[in-house]
Amino acid sequence: MKIICKYRSMATSIGMIKNGDIVDLPDAEVAKIAKMKPLAIEILPELPIETPIAEPKKAPIKRKASVKKDVKLIN
């Protein structure tokens, strides 16, 4: 279950989490924390995972080659 931490820092089974961290904890641990410190966490809703949309590739910039007519080649 995904939660967001509202305390300055808190020790969990995955380690220390700080204010504003979003972590995925087991349901039993979330229930225990919510019972002991109800203001410490905010339970986030389970959202379906969306696949990222591929951005269209940009066409390369067409550059004209500058040709100097008055340049002499050195052999």
PDB file of N, CA and C in Angstrom:
ATOM      1  N   MET A   1       0.850  -1.157   0.000  1.00  0.00           N
ATOM      2  CA  MET A   1       0.000   0.000   0.000  1.00  0.00           C
ATOM      3  C   MET A   1       0.913   1.242   0.000  1.00  0.00           C
ATOM      4  N   LYS A   2       0.635   2.171  -0.871  1.00  0.00           N
ATOM      5  CA  LYS A   2       1.451   3.378  -0.958  1.00  0.00           C
ATOM      6  C   LYS A   2       0.963   4.406   0.048  1.00  0.00           C
ATOM      7  N   ILE A   3       1.945   5.007   0.751  1.00  0.00           N
ATOM      8  CA  ILE A   3       1.628   6.043   1.729  1.00  0.00           C
ATOM      9  C   ILE A   3       2.566   7.219   1.525  1.00  0.00           C
ATOM     10  N   ILE A   4       2.182   8.358   2.090  1.00  0.00           N
ATOM     11  CA  ILE A   4       3.051   9.523   2.127  1.00  0.00           C
ATOM     12  C   ILE A   4       3.272   9.860   3.597  1.00  0.00           C
ATOM     13  N   CYS A   5       4.518  10.092   3.956  1.00  0.00           N
ATOM     14  CA  CYS A   5       4.888  10.362   5.344  1.00  0.00           C
ATOM     15  C   CYS A   5       4.588  11.813   5.690  1.00  0.00           C
ATOM     16  N   LYS A   6       3.954  12.040   6.828  1.00  0.00           N
ATOM     17  CA  LYS A   6       3.624  13.384   7.285  1.00  0.00           C
ATOM     18  C   LYS A   6       4.479  13.801   8.487  1.00  0.00           C
ATOM     19  N   TYR A   7       5.243  12.881   9.072  1.00  0.00           N
ATOM     20  CA  TYR A   7       6.131  13.202  10.192  1.00  0.00           C
ATOM     21  C   TYR A   7       7.490  13.610   9.668  1.00  0.00           C
ATOM     22  N   ARG A   8       8.302  14.183  10.550  1.00  0.00           N
ATOM     23  CA  ARG A   8       9.648  14.595  10.161  1.00  0.00           C
ATOM     24  C   ARG A   8      10.472  13.403   9.693  1.00  0.00           C
ATOM     25  N   SER A   9      10.453  12.330  10.448  1.00  0.00           N
ATOM     26  CA  SER A   9      11.092  11.076  10.030  1.00  0.00           C
ATOM     27  C   SER A   9      10.463   9.934  10.812  1.00  0.00           C
ATOM     28  N   MET A  10      10.514   8.750  10.217  1.00  0.00           N
ATOM     29  CA  MET A  10       9.877   7.595  10.823  1.00  0.00           C
ATOM     30  C   MET A  10      10.615   6.337  10.380  1.00  0.00           C
ATOM     31  N   ALA A  11      10.825   5.416  11.310  1.00  0.00           N
ATOM     32  CA  ALA A  11      11.481   4.148  10.997  1.00  0.00           C
ATOM     33  C   ALA A  11      10.425   3.143  10.546  1.00  0.00           C
ATOM     34  N   THR A  12      10.667   2.500   9.406  1.00  0.00           N
ATOM     35  CA  THR A  12       9.759   1.479   8.882  1.00  0.00           C
ATOM     36  C   THR A  12      10.559   0.235   8.535  1.00  0.00           C
ATOM     37  N   SER A  13       9.885  -0.749   8.000  1.00  0.00           N
ATOM     38  CA  SER A  13      10.564  -1.995   7.627  1.00  0.00           C
ATOM     39  C   SER A  13      11.504  -1.811   6.446  1.00  0.00           C
ATOM     40  N   ILE A  14      11.296  -0.766   5.659  1.00  0.00           N
ATOM     41  CA  ILE A  14      12.185  -0.525   4.524  1.00  0.00           C
ATOM     42  C   ILE A  14      13.269   0.487   4.854  1.00  0.00           C
ATOM     43  N   GLY A  15      13.267   1.019   6.083  1.00  0.00           N
ATOM     44  CA  GLY A  15      14.270   1.980   6.504  1.00  0.00           C
ATOM     45  C   GLY A  15      13.619   3.286   6.935  1.00  0.00           C
ATOM     46  N   MET A  16      14.443   4.301   7.105  1.00  0.00           N
ATOM     47  CA  MET A  16      13.951   5.602   7.535  1.00  0.00           C
ATOM     48  C   MET A  16      13.270   6.316   6.372  1.00  0.00           C
ATOM     49  N   ILE A  17      12.101   6.875   6.651  1.00  0.00           N
ATOM     50  CA  ILE A  17      11.423   7.709   5.656  1.00  0.00           C
ATOM     51  C   ILE A  17      11.249   9.088   6.265  1.00  0.00           C
ATOM     52  N   LYS A  18      11.280  10.103   5.410  1.00  0.00           N
ATOM     53  CA  LYS A  18      11.206  11.487   5.875  1.00  0.00           C
ATOM     54  C   LYS A  18       9.928  12.133   5.392  1.00  0.00           C
ATOM     55  N   ASN A  19       9.685  13.318   5.850  1.00  0.00           N
ATOM     56  CA  ASN A  19       8.475  14.058   5.511  1.00  0.00           C
ATOM     57  C   ASN A  19       8.362  14.231   3.995  1.00  0.00           C
ATOM     58  N   GLY A  20       7.250  13.809   3.435  1.00  0.00           N
ATOM     59  CA  GLY A  20       7.008  13.960   2.010  1.00  0.00           C
ATOM     60  C   GLY A  20       7.393  12.755   1.177  1.00  0.00           C
ATOM     61  N   ASP A  21       8.062  11.755   1.767  1.00  0.00           N
ATOM     62  CA  ASP A  21       8.447  10.557   1.007  1.00  0.00           C
ATOM     63  C   ASP A  21       7.217   9.705   0.718  1.00  0.00           C
ATOM     64  N   ILE A  22       7.170   9.166  -0.491  1.00  0.00           N
ATOM     65  CA  ILE A  22       6.106   8.238  -0.878  1.00  0.00           C
ATOM     66  C   ILE A  22       6.725   6.856  -0.944  1.00  0.00           C
ATOM     67  N   VAL A  23       6.223   5.933  -0.131  1.00  0.00           N
ATOM     68  CA  VAL A  23       6.788   4.579  -0.046  1.00  0.00           C
ATOM     69  C   VAL A  23       5.670   3.550  -0.145  1.00  0.00           C
ATOM     70  N   ASP A  24       6.077   2.324  -0.448  1.00  0.00           N
ATOM     71  CA  ASP A  24       5.149   1.201  -0.546  1.00  0.00           C
ATOM     72  C   ASP A  24       5.431   0.271   0.634  1.00  0.00           C
ATOM     73  N   LEU A  25       4.483   0.180   1.575  1.00  0.00           N
ATOM     74  CA  LEU A  25       4.643  -0.634   2.778  1.00  0.00           C
ATOM     75  C   LEU A  25       3.615  -1.759   2.785  1.00  0.00           C
ATOM     76  N   PRO A  26       3.913  -2.840   3.534  1.00  0.00           N
ATOM     77  CA  PRO A  26       2.926  -3.918   3.682  1.00  0.00           C
ATOM     78  C   PRO A  26       1.674  -3.417   4.410  1.00  0.00           C
ATOM     79  N   ASP A  27       0.542  -4.050   4.104  1.00  0.00           N
ATOM     80  CA  ASP A  27      -0.741  -3.623   4.680  1.00  0.00           C
ATOM     81  C   ASP A  27      -0.755  -3.722   6.211  1.00  0.00           C
ATOM     82  N   ALA A  28      -0.125  -4.755   6.757  1.00  0.00           N
ATOM     83  CA  ALA A  28      -0.111  -4.930   8.211  1.00  0.00           C
ATOM     84  C   ALA A  28       0.649  -3.787   8.882  1.00  0.00           C
ATOM     85  N   GLU A  29       1.753  -3.367   8.286  1.00  0.00           N
ATOM     86  CA  GLU A  29       2.533  -2.276   8.863  1.00  0.00           C
ATOM     87  C   GLU A  29       1.786  -0.943   8.764  1.00  0.00           C
ATOM     88  N   VAL A  30       1.095  -0.732   7.665  1.00  0.00           N
ATOM     89  CA  VAL A  30       0.311   0.494   7.500  1.00  0.00           C
ATOM     90  C   VAL A  30      -0.797   0.548   8.546  1.00  0.00           C
ATOM     91  N   ALA A  31      -1.459  -0.571   8.788  1.00  0.00           N
ATOM     92  CA  ALA A  31      -2.522  -0.618   9.792  1.00  0.00           C
ATOM     93  C   ALA A  31      -1.962  -0.331  11.184  1.00  0.00           C
ATOM     94  N   LYS A  32      -0.782  -0.862  11.489  1.00  0.00           N
ATOM     95  CA  LYS A  32      -0.148  -0.640  12.793  1.00  0.00           C
ATOM     96  C   LYS A  32       0.220   0.829  12.985  1.00  0.00           C
ATOM     97  N   ILE A  33       0.803   1.441  11.955  1.00  0.00           N
ATOM     98  CA  ILE A  33       1.191   2.854  12.049  1.00  0.00           C
ATOM     99  C   ILE A  33      -0.048   3.738  12.161  1.00  0.00           C
ATOM    100  N   ALA A  34      -1.081   3.436  11.370  1.00  0.00           N
ATOM    101  CA  ALA A  34      -2.310   4.234  11.394  1.00  0.00           C
ATOM    102  C   ALA A  34      -3.010   4.141  12.745  1.00  0.00           C
ATOM    103  N   LYS A  35      -2.883   3.009  13.426  1.00  0.00           N
ATOM    104  CA  LYS A  35      -3.506   2.836  14.735  1.00  0.00           C
ATOM    105  C   LYS A  35      -2.738   3.602  15.812  1.00  0.00           C
ATOM    106  N   MET A  36      -1.396   3.567  15.748  1.00  0.00           N
ATOM    107  CA  MET A  36      -0.579   4.221  16.772  1.00  0.00           C
ATOM    108  C   MET A  36      -0.449   5.722  16.529  1.00  0.00           C
ATOM    109  N   LYS A  37      -0.224   6.117  15.293  1.00  0.00           N
ATOM    110  CA  LYS A  37      -0.017   7.532  14.945  1.00  0.00           C
ATOM    111  C   LYS A  37      -0.879   7.866  13.730  1.00  0.00           C
ATOM    112  N   PRO A  38      -2.137   8.182  13.917  1.00  0.00           N
ATOM    113  CA  PRO A  38      -3.024   8.401  12.765  1.00  0.00           C
ATOM    114  C   PRO A  38      -2.652   9.610  11.908  1.00  0.00           C
ATOM    115  N   LEU A  39      -1.974  10.596  12.463  1.00  0.00           N
ATOM    116  CA  LEU A  39      -1.593  11.775  11.690  1.00  0.00           C
ATOM    117  C   LEU A  39      -0.232  11.621  11.009  1.00  0.00           C
ATOM    118  N   ALA A  40       0.436  10.488  11.229  1.00  0.00           N
ATOM    119  CA  ALA A  40       1.786  10.307  10.712  1.00  0.00           C
ATOM    120  C   ALA A  40       1.816   9.976   9.227  1.00  0.00           C
ATOM    121  N   ILE A  41       0.759   9.358   8.721  1.00  0.00           N
ATOM    122  CA  ILE A  41       0.762   8.920   7.320  1.00  0.00           C
ATOM    123  C   ILE A  41      -0.535   9.325   6.635  1.00  0.00           C
ATOM    124  N   GLU A  42      -0.451   9.379   5.317  1.00  0.00           N
ATOM    125  CA  GLU A  42      -1.643   9.573   4.486  1.00  0.00           C
ATOM    126  C   GLU A  42      -1.637   8.440   3.464  1.00  0.00           C
ATOM    127  N   ILE A  43      -2.692   7.661   3.443  1.00  0.00           N
ATOM    128  CA  ILE A  43      -2.777   6.517   2.542  1.00  0.00           C
ATOM    129  C   ILE A  43      -3.200   7.019   1.166  1.00  0.00           C
ATOM    130  N   LEU A  44      -2.407   6.669   0.159  1.00  0.00           N
ATOM    131  CA  LEU A  44      -2.692   7.095  -1.208  1.00  0.00           C
ATOM    132  C   LEU A  44      -3.564   6.069  -1.906  1.00  0.00           C
ATOM    133  N   PRO A  45      -4.447   6.489  -2.781  1.00  0.00           N
ATOM    134  CA  PRO A  45      -5.299   5.533  -3.494  1.00  0.00           C
ATOM    135  C   PRO A  45      -4.483   4.719  -4.495  1.00  0.00           C
ATOM    136  N   GLU A  46      -4.923   3.494  -4.698  1.00  0.00           N
ATOM    137  CA  GLU A  46      -4.270   2.616  -5.670  1.00  0.00           C
ATOM    138  C   GLU A  46      -4.709   3.032  -7.066  1.00  0.00           C
ATOM    139  N   LEU A  47      -3.766   3.476  -7.871  1.00  0.00           N
ATOM    140  CA  LEU A  47      -4.068   3.902  -9.228  1.00  0.00           C
ATOM    141  C   LEU A  47      -3.513   2.898 -10.222  1.00  0.00           C
ATOM    142  N   PRO A  48      -4.213   2.680 -11.332  1.00  0.00           N
ATOM    143  CA  PRO A  48      -3.674   1.762 -12.347  1.00  0.00           C
ATOM    144  C   PRO A  48      -2.436   2.370 -12.993  1.00  0.00           C
ATOM    145  N   ILE A  49      -1.508   1.528 -13.342  1.00  0.00           N
ATOM    146  CA  ILE A  49      -0.271   1.985 -13.964  1.00  0.00           C
ATOM    147  C   ILE A  49      -0.526   2.253 -15.435  1.00  0.00           C
ATOM    148  N   GLU A  50      -0.162   3.457 -15.859  1.00  0.00           N
ATOM    149  CA  GLU A  50      -0.364   3.833 -17.257  1.00  0.00           C
ATOM    150  C   GLU A  50       0.935   3.647 -18.028  1.00  0.00           C
ATOM    151  N   THR A  51       0.795   3.247 -19.274  1.00  0.00           N
ATOM    152  CA  THR A  51       1.984   3.106 -20.109  1.00  0.00           C
ATOM    153  C   THR A  51       2.346   4.480 -20.667  1.00  0.00           C
ATOM    154  N   PRO A  52       3.625   4.792 -20.702  1.00  0.00           N
ATOM    155  CA  PRO A  52       4.011   6.111 -21.217  1.00  0.00           C
ATOM    156  C   PRO A  52       3.790   6.200 -22.726  1.00  0.00           C
ATOM    157  N   ILE A  53       3.392   7.368 -23.154  1.00  0.00           N
ATOM    158  CA  ILE A  53       3.141   7.605 -24.577  1.00  0.00           C
ATOM    159  C   ILE A  53       4.449   8.061 -25.218  1.00  0.00           C
ATOM    160  N   ALA A  54       4.816   7.408 -26.307  1.00  0.00           N
ATOM    161  CA  ALA A  54       6.057   7.763 -26.987  1.00  0.00           C
ATOM    162  C   ALA A  54       5.871   9.086 -27.720  1.00  0.00           C
ATOM    163  N   GLU A  55       6.854   9.963 -27.548  1.00  0.00           N
ATOM    164  CA  GLU A  55       6.797  11.251 -28.221  1.00  0.00           C
ATOM    165  C   GLU A  55       7.267  11.087 -29.665  1.00  0.00           C
ATOM    166  N   PRO A  56       6.630  11.780 -30.590  1.00  0.00           N
ATOM    167  CA  PRO A  56       7.086  11.675 -31.984  1.00  0.00           C
ATOM    168  C   PRO A  56       8.466  12.298 -32.132  1.00  0.00           C
ATOM    169  N   LYS A  57       9.282  11.668 -32.952  1.00  0.00           N
ATOM    170  CA  LYS A  57      10.631  12.166 -33.162  1.00  0.00           C
ATOM    171  C   LYS A  57      10.599  13.359 -34.098  1.00  0.00           C
ATOM    172  N   LYS A  58      11.451  14.314 -33.811  1.00  0.00           N
ATOM    173  CA  LYS A  58      11.528  15.500 -34.645  1.00  0.00           C
ATOM    174  C   LYS A  58      12.393  15.208 -35.863  1.00  0.00           C
ATOM    175  N   ALA A  59      12.022  15.810 -36.969  1.00  0.00           N
ATOM    176  CA  ALA A  59      12.817  15.666 -38.191  1.00  0.00           C
ATOM    177  C   ALA A  59      14.101  16.466 -38.027  1.00  0.00           C
ATOM    178  N   PRO A  60      15.207  15.955 -38.558  1.00  0.00           N
ATOM    179  CA  PRO A  60      16.459  16.698 -38.426  1.00  0.00           C
ATOM    180  C   PRO A  60      16.388  18.017 -39.187  1.00  0.00           C
ATOM    181  N   ILE A  61      17.128  18.988 -38.704  1.00  0.00           N
ATOM    182  CA  ILE A  61      17.152  20.304 -39.332  1.00  0.00           C
ATOM    183  C   ILE A  61      17.925  20.216 -40.645  1.00  0.00           C
ATOM    184  N   LYS A  62      17.303  20.709 -41.689  1.00  0.00           N
ATOM    185  CA  LYS A  62      17.961  20.710 -42.989  1.00  0.00           C
ATOM    186  C   LYS A  62      18.768  21.997 -43.105  1.00  0.00           C
ATOM    187  N   ARG A  63      20.064  21.824 -43.223  1.00  0.00           N
ATOM    188  CA  ARG A  63      20.939  22.983 -43.315  1.00  0.00           C
ATOM    189  C   ARG A  63      21.571  23.016 -44.699  1.00  0.00           C
ATOM    190  N   LYS A  64      21.677  24.193 -45.221  1.00  0.00           N
ATOM    191  CA  LYS A  64      22.311  24.344 -46.519  1.00  0.00           C
ATOM    192  C   LYS A  64      23.803  24.529 -46.302  1.00  0.00           C
ATOM    193  N   ALA A  65      24.576  23.849 -47.113  1.00  0.00           N
ATOM    194  CA  ALA A  65      26.021  23.990 -47.021  1.00  0.00           C
ATOM    195  C   ALA A  65      26.415  25.286 -47.708  1.00  0.00           C
ATOM    196  N   SER A  66      27.191  26.072 -47.019  1.00  0.00           N
ATOM    197  CA  SER A  66      27.618  27.328 -47.625  1.00  0.00           C
ATOM    198  C   SER A  66      28.844  27.066 -48.500  1.00  0.00           C
ATOM    199  N   VAL A  67      28.789  27.530 -49.706  1.00  0.00           N
ATOM    200  CA  VAL A  67      29.880  27.321 -50.654  1.00  0.00           C
ATOM    201  C   VAL A  67      30.468  28.684 -50.974  1.00  0.00           C
ATOM    202  N   LYS A  68      31.773  28.804 -50.770  1.00  0.00           N
ATOM    203  CA  LYS A  68      32.461  30.041 -51.100  1.00  0.00           C
ATOM    204  C   LYS A  68      33.081  29.883 -52.480  1.00  0.00           C
ATOM    205  N   LYS A  69      32.719  30.755 -53.401  1.00  0.00           N
ATOM    206  CA  LYS A  69      33.186  30.624 -54.779  1.00  0.00           C
ATOM    207  C   LYS A  69      34.567  31.215 -55.004  1.00  0.00           C
ATOM    208  N   ASP A  70      34.987  32.137 -54.170  1.00  0.00           N
ATOM    209  CA  ASP A  70      36.266  32.819 -54.390  1.00  0.00           C
ATOM    210  C   ASP A  70      37.430  32.147 -53.683  1.00  0.00           C
ATOM    211  N   VAL A  71      37.262  30.963 -53.151  1.00  0.00           N
ATOM    212  CA  VAL A  71      38.332  30.285 -52.407  1.00  0.00           C
ATOM    213  C   VAL A  71      39.111  29.403 -53.396  1.00  0.00           C
ATOM    214  N   LYS A  72      40.452  29.527 -53.320  1.00  0.00           N
ATOM    215  CA  LYS A  72      41.343  28.727 -54.176  1.00  0.00           C
ATOM    216  C   LYS A  72      41.847  27.556 -53.344  1.00  0.00           C
ATOM    217  N   LEU A  73      41.856  26.398 -53.952  1.00  0.00           N
ATOM    218  CA  LEU A  73      42.372  25.215 -53.288  1.00  0.00           C
ATOM    219  C   LEU A  73      43.888  25.205 -53.330  1.00  0.00           C
ATOM    220  N   ILE A  74      44.518  24.832 -52.237  1.00  0.00           N
ATOM    221  CA  ILE A  74      45.970  24.741 -52.194  1.00  0.00           C
ATOM    222  C   ILE A  74      46.353  23.284 -52.333  1.00  0.00           C
ATOM    223  N   ASN A  75      47.245  23.009 -53.283  1.00  0.00           N
ATOM    224  CA  ASN A  75      47.700  21.633 -53.500  1.00  0.00           C
ATOM    225  C   ASN A  75      48.873  21.299 -52.663  1.00  0.00           C
TER     226      ASN A  75
END
